[in-house]
Amino acid sequence: PKYATLVKDDPDYNKRYSVGLTAGRVLMTNITNWAIARYIYKFDWAYI
């Protein structure tokens, strides 16, 4: 009885950030992956 069961993350402590911010972070994931492939591993397909 002390605590309720969480069937999803508590939204009061896990707020939803804006679509733009989230999309920007997805884009940064791509940029990071590409930079590693291009400048560290020097894969042919990464020369864009």
All heavy atoms as atom14 arrays in JSON, in Angstrom:
{
  "sequence": "PKYATLVKDDPDYNKRYSVGLTAGRVLMTNITNWAIARYIYKFDWAYI",
  "atom14_mask": [
    [1, 1, 1, 1, 1, 1, 1, 0, 0, 0, 0, 0, 0, 0],
    [1, 1, 1, 1, 1, 1, 1, 1, 1, 0, 0, 0, 0, 0],
    [1, 1, 1, 1, 1, 1, 1, 1, 1, 1, 1, 1, 0, 0],
    [1, 1, 1, 1, 1, 0, 0, 0, 0, 0, 0, 0, 0, 0],
    [1, 1, 1, 1, 1, 1, 1, 0, 0, 0, 0, 0, 0, 0],
    [1, 1, 1, 1, 1, 1, 1, 1, 0, 0, 0, 0, 0, 0],
    [1, 1, 1, 1, 1, 1, 1, 0, 0, 0, 0, 0, 0, 0],
    [1, 1, 1, 1, 1, 1, 1, 1, 1, 0, 0, 0, 0, 0],
    [1, 1, 1, 1, 1, 1, 1, 1, 0, 0, 0, 0, 0, 0],
    [1, 1, 1, 1, 1, 1, 1, 1, 0, 0, 0, 0, 0, 0],
    [1, 1, 1, 1, 1, 1, 1, 0, 0, 0, 0, 0, 0, 0],
    [1, 1, 1, 1, 1, 1, 1, 1, 0, 0, 0, 0, 0, 0],
    [1, 1, 1, 1, 1, 1, 1, 1, 1, 1, 1, 1, 0, 0],
    [1, 1, 1, 1, 1, 1, 1, 1, 0, 0, 0, 0, 0, 0],
    [1, 1, 1, 1, 1, 1, 1, 1, 1, 0, 0, 0, 0, 0],
    [1, 1, 1, 1, 1, 1, 1, 1, 1, 1, 1, 0, 0, 0],
    [1, 1, 1, 1, 1, 1, 1, 1, 1, 1, 1, 1, 0, 0],
    [1, 1, 1, 1, 1, 1, 0, 0, 0, 0, 0, 0, 0, 0],
    [1, 1, 1, 1, 1, 1, 1, 0, 0, 0, 0, 0, 0, 0],
    [1, 1, 1, 1, 0, 0, 0, 0, 0, 0, 0, 0, 0, 0],
    [1, 1, 1, 1, 1, 1, 1, 1, 0, 0, 0, 0, 0, 0],
    [1, 1, 1, 1, 1, 1, 1, 0, 0, 0, 0, 0, 0, 0],
    [1, 1, 1, 1, 1, 0, 0, 0, 0, 0, 0, 0, 0, 0],
    [1, 1, 1, 1, 0, 0, 0, 0, 0, 0, 0, 0, 0, 0],
    [1, 1, 1, 1, 1, 1, 1, 1, 1, 1, 1, 0, 0, 0],
    [1, 1, 1, 1, 1, 1, 1, 0, 0, 0, 0, 0, 0, 0],
    [1, 1, 1, 1, 1, 1, 1, 1, 0, 0, 0, 0, 0, 0],
    [1, 1, 1, 1, 1, 1, 1, 1, 0, 0, 0, 0, 0, 0],
    [1, 1, 1, 1, 1, 1, 1, 0, 0, 0, 0, 0, 0, 0],
    [1, 1, 1, 1, 1, 1, 1, 1, 0, 0, 0, 0, 0, 0],
    [1, 1, 1, 1, 1, 1, 1, 1, 0, 0, 0, 0, 0, 0],
    [1, 1, 1, 1, 1, 1, 1, 0, 0, 0, 0, 0, 0, 0],
    [1, 1, 1, 1, 1, 1, 1, 1, 0, 0, 0, 0, 0, 0],
    [1, 1, 1, 1, 1, 1, 1, 1, 1, 1, 1, 1, 1, 1],
    [1, 1, 1, 1, 1, 0, 0, 0, 0, 0, 0, 0, 0, 0],
    [1, 1, 1, 1, 1, 1, 1, 1, 0, 0, 0, 0, 0, 0],
    [1, 1, 1, 1, 1, 0, 0, 0, 0, 0, 0, 0, 0, 0],
    [1, 1, 1, 1, 1, 1, 1, 1, 1, 1, 1, 0, 0, 0],
    [1, 1, 1, 1, 1, 1, 1, 1, 1, 1, 1, 1, 0, 0],
    [1, 1, 1, 1, 1, 1, 1, 1, 0, 0, 0, 0, 0, 0],
    [1, 1, 1, 1, 1, 1, 1, 1, 1, 1, 1, 1, 0, 0],
    [1, 1, 1, 1, 1, 1, 1, 1, 1, 0, 0, 0, 0, 0],
    [1, 1, 1, 1, 1, 1, 1, 1, 1, 1, 1, 0, 0, 0],
    [1, 1, 1, 1, 1, 1, 1, 1, 0, 0, 0, 0, 0, 0],
    [1, 1, 1, 1, 1, 1, 1, 1, 1, 1, 1, 1, 1, 1],
    [1, 1, 1, 1, 1, 0, 0, 0, 0, 0, 0, 0, 0, 0],
    [1, 1, 1, 1, 1, 1, 1, 1, 1, 1, 1, 1, 0, 0],
    [1, 1, 1, 1, 1, 1, 1, 1, 0, 0, 0, 0, 0, 0]
  ],
  "atom14_positions": [
    [[0.8, -1.22, 0.0], [0.0, 0.0, 0.0], [0.83, 1.28, 0.0], [0.32, 2.35, -0.27], [-0.81, -0.11, 1.3], [0.0, -1.02, 2.17], [0.63, -2.0, 1.23], [0.0, 0.0, 0.0], [0.0, 0.0, 0.0], [0.0, 0.0, 0.0], [0.0, 0.0, 0.0], [0.0, 0.0, 0.0], [0.0, 0.0, 0.0], [0.0, 0.0, 0.0]],
    [[2.14, 1.17, 0.27], [2.96, 2.36, 0.37], [3.19, 3.02, -0.98], [3.28, 4.23, -1.1], [4.29, 2.01, 1.03], [5.15, 3.24, 1.33], [6.38, 2.85, 2.11], [7.22, 4.08, 2.44], [8.43, 3.72, 3.19], [0.0, 0.0, 0.0], [0.0, 0.0, 0.0], [0.0, 0.0, 0.0], [0.0, 0.0, 0.0], [0.0, 0.0, 0.0]],
    [[3.34, 2.21, -2.03], [3.62, 2.74, -3.36], [2.67, 2.12, -4.38], [2.29, 0.97, -4.27], [5.06, 2.42, -3.78], [6.1, 3.03, -2.9], [6.91, 2.23, -2.1], [6.29, 4.41, -2.85], [7.88, 2.78, -1.28], [7.26, 4.97, -2.05], [8.05, 4.16, -1.26], [9.0, 4.7, -0.46], [0.0, 0.0, 0.0], [0.0, 0.0, 0.0]],
    [[2.33, 2.9, -5.41], [1.57, 2.36, -6.53], [2.52, 1.74, -7.53], [3.7, 2.07, -7.58], [0.76, 3.47, -7.19], [0.0, 0.0, 0.0], [0.0, 0.0, 0.0], [0.0, 0.0, 0.0], [0.0, 0.0, 0.0], [0.0, 0.0, 0.0], [0.0, 0.0, 0.0], [0.0, 0.0, 0.0], [0.0, 0.0, 0.0], [0.0, 0.0, 0.0]],
    [[2.02, 0.84, -8.34], [2.82, 0.2, -9.36], [2.93, 1.11, -10.57], [1.93, 1.57, -11.09], [2.17, -1.14, -9.77], [2.11, -1.98, -8.64], [3.0, -1.8, -10.85], [0.0, 0.0, 0.0], [0.0, 0.0, 0.0], [0.0, 0.0, 0.0], [0.0, 0.0, 0.0], [0.0, 0.0, 0.0], [0.0, 0.0, 0.0], [0.0, 0.0, 0.0]],
    [[4.13, 1.35, -11.04], [4.34, 2.15, -12.24], [4.19, 1.27, -13.47], [4.96, 0.32, -13.66], [5.73, 2.78, -12.24], [5.95, 4.01, -11.37], [7.41, 4.44, -11.42], [5.06, 5.15, -11.81], [0.0, 0.0, 0.0], [0.0, 0.0, 0.0], [0.0, 0.0, 0.0], [0.0, 0.0, 0.0], [0.0, 0.0, 0.0], [0.0, 0.0, 0.0]],
    [[3.2, 1.56, -14.3], [3.04, 0.82, -15.56], [3.59, 1.62, -16.73], [3.5, 1.19, -17.87], [1.57, 0.45, -15.8], [1.07, -0.52, -14.74], [0.69, 1.69, -15.85], [0.0, 0.0, 0.0], [0.0, 0.0, 0.0], [0.0, 0.0, 0.0], [0.0, 0.0, 0.0], [0.0, 0.0, 0.0], [0.0, 0.0, 0.0], [0.0, 0.0, 0.0]],
    [[4.16, 2.78, -16.45], [4.9, 3.56, -17.43], [5.78, 4.53, -16.66], [5.59, 4.75, -15.45], [3.97, 4.3, -18.39], [3.08, 5.34, -17.71], [2.23, 6.06, -18.75], [1.34, 7.11, -18.07], [0.53, 7.85, -19.06], [0.0, 0.0, 0.0], [0.0, 0.0, 0.0], [0.0, 0.0, 0.0], [0.0, 0.0, 0.0], [0.0, 0.0, 0.0]],
    [[6.74, 5.13, -17.34], [7.59, 6.12, -16.68], [6.75, 7.27, -16.16], [5.81, 7.73, -16.83], [8.64, 6.65, -17.66], [9.66, 5.59, -18.04], [9.67, 4.52, -17.43], [10.46, 5.86, -18.96], [0.0, 0.0, 0.0], [0.0, 0.0, 0.0], [0.0, 0.0, 0.0], [0.0, 0.0, 0.0], [0.0, 0.0, 0.0], [0.0, 0.0, 0.0]],
    [[7.08, 7.76, -14.99], [6.34, 8.85, -14.37], [6.53, 10.13, -15.19], [7.66, 10.65, -15.29], [6.85, 9.07, -12.95], [5.99, 10.05, -12.15], [5.38, 10.93, -12.77], [5.95, 9.92, -10.91], [0.0, 0.0, 0.0], [0.0, 0.0, 0.0], [0.0, 0.0, 0.0], [0.0, 0.0, 0.0], [0.0, 0.0, 0.0], [0.0, 0.0, 0.0]],
    [[5.47, 10.67, -15.82], [5.64, 11.84, -16.68], [6.06, 13.1, -15.93], [6.6, 14.03, -16.53], [4.25, 12.01, -17.32], [3.31, 11.34, -16.38], [4.08, 10.2, -15.77], [0.0, 0.0, 0.0], [0.0, 0.0, 0.0], [0.0, 0.0, 0.0], [0.0, 0.0, 0.0], [0.0, 0.0, 0.0], [0.0, 0.0, 0.0], [0.0, 0.0, 0.0]],
    [[5.82, 13.17, -14.62], [6.24, 14.34, -13.84], [7.76, 14.45, -13.77], [8.29, 15.55, -13.57], [5.66, 14.27, -12.43], [4.15, 14.43, -12.41], [3.61, 15.02, -13.37], [3.52, 13.96, -11.44], [0.0, 0.0, 0.0], [0.0, 0.0, 0.0], [0.0, 0.0, 0.0], [0.0, 0.0, 0.0], [0.0, 0.0, 0.0], [0.0, 0.0, 0.0]],
    [[8.45, 13.32, -13.91], [9.9, 13.32, -13.82], [10.56, 12.95, -15.16], [11.79, 12.89, -15.25], [10.37, 12.33, -12.75], [9.96, 12.74, -11.36], [8.74, 12.34, -10.83], [10.8, 13.52, -10.57], [8.35, 12.72, -9.55], [10.44, 13.89, -9.29], [9.21, 13.5, -8.79], [8.84, 13.88, -7.52], [0.0, 0.0, 0.0], [0.0, 0.0, 0.0]],
    [[9.77, 12.68, -16.17], [10.27, 12.31, -17.49], [9.48, 13.07, -18.54], [8.68, 12.49, -19.28], [10.16, 10.8, -17.71], [11.0, 10.0, -16.74], [12.2, 9.85, -16.91], [10.35, 9.5, -15.69], [0.0, 0.0, 0.0], [0.0, 0.0, 0.0], [0.0, 0.0, 0.0], [0.0, 0.0, 0.0], [0.0, 0.0, 0.0], [0.0, 0.0, 0.0]],
    [[9.68, 14.37, -18.58], [8.86, 15.21, -19.46], [9.22, 14.95, -20.92], [10.32, 14.5, -21.25], [9.06, 16.68, -19.13], [10.38, 17.26, -19.58], [10.41, 18.77, -19.37], [11.67, 19.41, -19.96], [11.68, 20.87, -19.81], [0.0, 0.0, 0.0], [0.0, 0.0, 0.0], [0.0, 0.0, 0.0], [0.0, 0.0, 0.0], [0.0, 0.0, 0.0]],
    [[8.28, 15.26, -21.79], [8.49, 15.11, -23.22], [9.11, 16.39, -23.76], [8.52, 17.47, -23.64], [7.18, 14.8, -23.94], [7.36, 14.53, -25.43], [6.02, 14.35, -26.11], [5.26, 13.29, -25.48], [3.97, 13.04, -25.73], [3.3, 13.81, -26.58], [3.34, 12.06, -25.13], [0.0, 0.0, 0.0], [0.0, 0.0, 0.0], [0.0, 0.0, 0.0]],
    [[10.28, 16.27, -24.36], [10.95, 17.43, -24.95], [10.39, 17.7, -26.35], [9.72, 16.86, -26.95], [12.46, 17.21, -25.0], [13.09, 17.24, -23.62], [13.03, 16.13, -22.77], [13.7, 18.39, -23.15], [13.59, 16.15, -21.51], [14.27, 18.43, -21.88], [14.21, 17.31, -21.07], [14.74, 17.35, -19.79], [0.0, 0.0, 0.0], [0.0, 0.0, 0.0]],
    [[10.67, 18.86, -26.88], [10.08, 19.3, -28.14], [10.5, 18.42, -29.3], [11.57, 17.79, -29.28], [10.47, 20.74, -28.44], [11.84, 20.83, -28.78], [0.0, 0.0, 0.0], [0.0, 0.0, 0.0], [0.0, 0.0, 0.0], [0.0, 0.0, 0.0], [0.0, 0.0, 0.0], [0.0, 0.0, 0.0], [0.0, 0.0, 0.0], [0.0, 0.0, 0.0]],
    [[9.66, 18.39, -30.32], [9.96, 17.62, -31.53], [11.25, 18.13, -32.16], [12.1, 17.34, -32.6], [8.79, 17.71, -32.52], [9.17, 17.11, -33.88], [7.56, 17.0, -31.97], [0.0, 0.0, 0.0], [0.0, 0.0, 0.0], [0.0, 0.0, 0.0], [0.0, 0.0, 0.0], [0.0, 0.0, 0.0], [0.0, 0.0, 0.0], [0.0, 0.0, 0.0]],
    [[11.41, 19.45, -32.22], [12.6, 20.02, -32.84], [13.88, 19.63, -32.14], [14.88, 19.27, -32.79], [0.0, 0.0, 0.0], [0.0, 0.0, 0.0], [0.0, 0.0, 0.0], [0.0, 0.0, 0.0], [0.0, 0.0, 0.0], [0.0, 0.0, 0.0], [0.0, 0.0, 0.0], [0.0, 0.0, 0.0], [0.0, 0.0, 0.0], [0.0, 0.0, 0.0]],
    [[13.88, 19.71, -30.81], [15.07, 19.32, -30.05], [15.4, 17.85, -30.26], [16.55, 17.47, -30.48], [14.84, 19.6, -28.57], [15.96, 19.13, -27.62], [17.26, 19.87, -27.9], [15.54, 19.28, -26.17], [0.0, 0.0, 0.0], [0.0, 0.0, 0.0], [0.0, 0.0, 0.0], [0.0, 0.0, 0.0], [0.0, 0.0, 0.0], [0.0, 0.0, 0.0]],
    [[14.37, 17.01, -30.21], [14.59, 15.57, -30.35], [15.08, 15.23, -31.76], [16.01, 14.44, -31.93], [13.29, 14.81, -30.04], [12.82, 15.19, -28.74], [13.51, 13.31, -30.06], [0.0, 0.0, 0.0], [0.0, 0.0, 0.0], [0.0, 0.0, 0.0], [0.0, 0.0, 0.0], [0.0, 0.0, 0.0], [0.0, 0.0, 0.0], [0.0, 0.0, 0.0]],
    [[14.45, 15.82, -32.78], [14.9, 15.6, -34.16], [16.34, 16.08, -34.35], [17.14, 15.44, -35.06], [13.97, 16.3, -35.13], [0.0, 0.0, 0.0], [0.0, 0.0, 0.0], [0.0, 0.0, 0.0], [0.0, 0.0, 0.0], [0.0, 0.0, 0.0], [0.0, 0.0, 0.0], [0.0, 0.0, 0.0], [0.0, 0.0, 0.0], [0.0, 0.0, 0.0]],
    [[16.69, 17.19, -33.7], [18.06, 17.68, -33.79], [19.06, 16.71, -33.2], [20.16, 16.53, -33.73], [0.0, 0.0, 0.0], [0.0, 0.0, 0.0], [0.0, 0.0, 0.0], [0.0, 0.0, 0.0], [0.0, 0.0, 0.0], [0.0, 0.0, 0.0], [0.0, 0.0, 0.0], [0.0, 0.0, 0.0], [0.0, 0.0, 0.0], [0.0, 0.0, 0.0]],
    [[18.69, 16.05, -32.11], [19.59, 15.08, -31.5], [19.7, 13.82, -32.35], [20.77, 13.19, -32.39], [19.1, 14.76, -30.09], [19.34, 15.92, -29.13], [18.9, 15.65, -27.72], [19.35, 16.72, -26.83], [19.06, 16.8, -25.54], [18.31, 15.86, -24.99], [19.5, 17.8, -24.81], [0.0, 0.0, 0.0], [0.0, 0.0, 0.0], [0.0, 0.0, 0.0]],
    [[18.62, 13.44, -33.03], [18.71, 12.32, -33.98], [19.67, 12.69, -35.1], [20.51, 11.88, -35.53], [17.32, 11.98, -34.54], [17.44, 10.98, -35.7], [16.44, 11.39, -33.44], [0.0, 0.0, 0.0], [0.0, 0.0, 0.0], [0.0, 0.0, 0.0], [0.0, 0.0, 0.0], [0.0, 0.0, 0.0], [0.0, 0.0, 0.0], [0.0, 0.0, 0.0]],
    [[19.57, 13.93, -35.61], [20.48, 14.39, -36.66], [21.92, 14.37, -36.18], [22.83, 13.98, -36.92], [20.08, 15.8, -37.09], [20.97, 16.46, -38.16], [20.96, 15.63, -39.44], [20.51, 17.89, -38.43], [0.0, 0.0, 0.0], [0.0, 0.0, 0.0], [0.0, 0.0, 0.0], [0.0, 0.0, 0.0], [0.0, 0.0, 0.0], [0.0, 0.0, 0.0]],
    [[22.16, 14.78, -34.93], [23.52, 14.75, -34.39], [24.05, 13.32, -34.29], [25.26, 13.09, -34.44], [23.55, 15.43, -33.03], [23.47, 16.94, -33.07], [24.78, 17.67, -34.1], [26.27, 17.06, -33.29], [0.0, 0.0, 0.0], [0.0, 0.0, 0.0], [0.0, 0.0, 0.0], [0.0, 0.0, 0.0], [0.0, 0.0, 0.0], [0.0, 0.0, 0.0]],
    [[23.16, 12.35, -34.05], [23.57, 10.95, -34.05], [24.11, 10.57, -35.41], [25.17, 9.91, -35.53], [22.38, 10.05, -33.68], [21.91, 10.39, -32.38], [22.79, 8.58, -33.71], [0.0, 0.0, 0.0], [0.0, 0.0, 0.0], [0.0, 0.0, 0.0], [0.0, 0.0, 0.0], [0.0, 0.0, 0.0], [0.0, 0.0, 0.0], [0.0, 0.0, 0.0]],
    [[23.42, 10.98, -36.48], [23.88, 10.69, -37.83], [25.21, 11.39, -38.13], [26.11, 10.8, -38.73], [22.84, 11.14, -38.85], [21.81, 10.06, -39.14], [22.05, 8.89, -38.88], [20.66, 10.45, -39.66], [0.0, 0.0, 0.0], [0.0, 0.0, 0.0], [0.0, 0.0, 0.0], [0.0, 0.0, 0.0], [0.0, 0.0, 0.0], [0.0, 0.0, 0.0]],
    [[25.32, 12.63, -37.73], [26.55, 13.38, -37.99], [27.74, 12.73, -37.27], [28.84, 12.59, -37.83], [26.39, 14.85, -37.57], [25.37, 15.55, -38.49], [27.72, 15.58, -37.6], [25.01, 16.95, -38.04], [0.0, 0.0, 0.0], [0.0, 0.0, 0.0], [0.0, 0.0, 0.0], [0.0, 0.0, 0.0], [0.0, 0.0, 0.0], [0.0, 0.0, 0.0]],
    [[27.52, 12.3, -36.04], [28.59, 11.64, -35.28], [29.0, 10.33, -35.94], [30.2, 10.04, -36.11], [28.14, 11.38, -33.84], [27.78, 12.63, -33.23], [29.24, 10.71, -33.03], [0.0, 0.0, 0.0], [0.0, 0.0, 0.0], [0.0, 0.0, 0.0], [0.0, 0.0, 0.0], [0.0, 0.0, 0.0], [0.0, 0.0, 0.0], [0.0, 0.0, 0.0]],
    [[28.02, 9.51, -36.33], [28.32, 8.24, -36.98], [29.07, 8.46, -38.29], [30.03, 7.74, -38.61], [27.03, 7.46, -37.25], [26.43, 6.88, -35.99], [27.11, 6.74, -34.97], [25.16, 6.54, -36.05], [0.0, 0.0, 0.0], [0.0, 0.0, 0.0], [0.0, 0.0, 0.0], [0.0, 0.0, 0.0], [0.0, 0.0, 0.0], [0.0, 0.0, 0.0]],
    [[28.63, 9.46, -39.05], [29.3, 9.74, -40.32], [30.73, 10.22, -40.09], [31.66, 9.77, -40.78], [28.51, 10.82, -41.1], [29.28, 11.33, -42.27], [29.44, 10.74, -43.49], [30.09, 12.52, -42.29], [30.27, 11.49, -44.29], [30.69, 12.59, -43.57], [30.35, 13.53, -41.37], [31.53, 13.64, -43.95], [31.18, 14.58, -41.73], [31.76, 14.63, -42.99]],
    [[30.94, 11.1, -39.13], [32.28, 11.63, -38.87], [33.25, 10.52, -38.46], [34.42, 10.51, -38.89], [32.21, 12.71, -37.79], [0.0, 0.0, 0.0], [0.0, 0.0, 0.0], [0.0, 0.0, 0.0], [0.0, 0.0, 0.0], [0.0, 0.0, 0.0], [0.0, 0.0, 0.0], [0.0, 0.0, 0.0], [0.0, 0.0, 0.0], [0.0, 0.0, 0.0]],
    [[32.79, 9.59, -37.65], [33.64, 8.45, -37.25], [34.0, 7.61, -38.47], [35.16, 7.22, -38.66], [32.93, 7.61, -36.19], [32.8, 8.4, -34.88], [33.68, 6.3, -35.94], [31.94, 7.73, -33.84], [0.0, 0.0, 0.0], [0.0, 0.0, 0.0], [0.0, 0.0, 0.0], [0.0, 0.0, 0.0], [0.0, 0.0, 0.0], [0.0, 0.0, 0.0]],
    [[32.98, 7.33, -39.32], [33.24, 6.53, -40.52], [34.16, 7.24, -41.49], [35.04, 6.61, -42.12], [31.91, 6.2, -41.21], [0.0, 0.0, 0.0], [0.0, 0.0, 0.0], [0.0, 0.0, 0.0], [0.0, 0.0, 0.0], [0.0, 0.0, 0.0], [0.0, 0.0, 0.0], [0.0, 0.0, 0.0], [0.0, 0.0, 0.0], [0.0, 0.0, 0.0]],
    [[34.0, 8.54, -41.62], [34.77, 9.31, -42.6], [36.19, 9.6, -42.14], [37.16, 9.41, -42.89], [34.03, 10.62, -42.9], [34.81, 11.67, -43.67], [35.16, 11.21, -45.08], [35.82, 12.29, -45.8], [37.11, 12.57, -45.72], [37.89, 11.83, -44.92], [37.65, 13.56, -46.41], [0.0, 0.0, 0.0], [0.0, 0.0, 0.0], [0.0, 0.0, 0.0]],
    [[36.37, 10.05, -40.91], [37.66, 10.56, -40.5], [38.49, 9.58, -39.67], [39.7, 9.74, -39.57], [37.47, 11.86, -39.72], [36.93, 12.97, -40.6], [35.61, 13.4, -40.46], [37.72, 13.57, -41.57], [35.09, 14.4, -41.27], [37.21, 14.57, -42.38], [35.9, 14.98, -42.23], [35.4, 15.96, -43.04], [0.0, 0.0, 0.0], [0.0, 0.0, 0.0]],
    [[37.85, 8.59, -39.07], [38.6, 7.59, -38.3], [38.8, 6.32, -39.13], [39.93, 5.86, -39.32], [37.89, 7.29, -36.96], [37.86, 8.55, -36.09], [38.6, 6.14, -36.24], [37.16, 8.37, -34.76], [0.0, 0.0, 0.0], [0.0, 0.0, 0.0], [0.0, 0.0, 0.0], [0.0, 0.0, 0.0], [0.0, 0.0, 0.0], [0.0, 0.0, 0.0]],
    [[37.69, 5.74, -39.63], [37.8, 4.5, -40.4], [38.04, 4.74, -41.88], [38.47, 3.84, -42.59], [36.54, 3.66, -40.2], [36.38, 3.15, -38.8], [35.46, 3.71, -37.93], [37.18, 2.1, -38.34], [35.32, 3.24, -36.63], [37.05, 1.62, -37.04], [36.11, 2.2, -36.2], [35.99, 1.74, -34.92], [0.0, 0.0, 0.0], [0.0, 0.0, 0.0]],
    [[37.75, 5.95, -42.37], [37.98, 6.33, -43.76], [37.31, 5.37, -44.75], [37.91, 4.96, -45.76], [39.48, 6.43, -44.05], [40.2, 7.45, -43.17], [41.66, 7.59, -43.54], [42.39, 8.51, -42.58], [41.84, 9.88, -42.54], [0.0, 0.0, 0.0], [0.0, 0.0, 0.0], [0.0, 0.0, 0.0], [0.0, 0.0, 0.0], [0.0, 0.0, 0.0]],
    [[36.05, 5.0, -44.45], [35.3, 4.14, -45.36], [35.0, 4.89, -46.66], [34.66, 6.09, -46.64], [33.99, 3.69, -44.72], [34.16, 2.75, -43.56], [33.49, 2.98, -42.36], [34.97, 1.63, -43.67], [33.65, 2.1, -41.29], [35.13, 0.75, -42.61], [34.47, 0.99, -41.42], [0.0, 0.0, 0.0], [0.0, 0.0, 0.0], [0.0, 0.0, 0.0]],
    [[35.07, 4.18, -47.78], [34.82, 4.8, -49.08], [33.42, 5.41, -49.17], [33.24, 6.48, -49.74], [35.02, 3.78, -50.2], [36.47, 3.38, -50.37], [37.36, 4.13, -49.91], [36.73, 2.3, -50.95], [0.0, 0.0, 0.0], [0.0, 0.0, 0.0], [0.0, 0.0, 0.0], [0.0, 0.0, 0.0], [0.0, 0.0, 0.0], [0.0, 0.0, 0.0]],
    [[32.44, 4.71, -48.62], [31.06, 5.16, -48.76], [30.77, 6.44, -47.97], [29.75, 7.09, -48.18], [30.09, 4.07, -48.32], [30.35, 3.47, -46.97], [30.95, 2.28, -46.71], [29.99, 4.03, -45.69], [31.01, 2.06, -45.35], [30.42, 3.11, -44.71], [29.35, 5.2, -45.29], [30.24, 3.34, -43.35], [29.17, 5.43, -43.94], [29.61, 4.52, -42.99]],
    [[31.69, 6.84, -47.07], [31.45, 8.01, -46.24], [31.95, 9.3, -46.88], [31.8, 10.38, -46.3], [32.1, 7.82, -44.87], [0.0, 0.0, 0.0], [0.0, 0.0, 0.0], [0.0, 0.0, 0.0], [0.0, 0.0, 0.0], [0.0, 0.0, 0.0], [0.0, 0.0, 0.0], [0.0, 0.0, 0.0], [0.0, 0.0, 0.0], [0.0, 0.0, 0.0]],
    [[32.54, 9.22, -48.08], [33.02, 10.42, -48.77], [31.85, 11.02, -49.53], [31.58, 10.67, -50.68], [34.18, 10.07, -49.69], [35.47, 9.8, -48.95], [35.66, 8.59, -48.27], [36.47, 10.76, -48.89], [36.83, 8.34, -47.57], [37.65, 10.51, -48.18], [37.82, 9.31, -47.53], [38.98, 9.07, -46.83], [0.0, 0.0, 0.0], [0.0, 0.0, 0.0]],
    [[31.14, 11.92, -48.88], [29.92, 12.49, -49.43], [30.13, 13.96, -49.8], [31.08, 14.6, -49.37], [28.75, 12.36, -48.44], [29.1, 13.07, -47.12], [28.4, 10.89, -48.2], [27.96, 13.11, -46.12], [0.0, 0.0, 0.0], [0.0, 0.0, 0.0], [0.0, 0.0, 0.0], [0.0, 0.0, 0.0], [0.0, 0.0, 0.0], [0.0, 0.0, 0.0]]
  ]
}
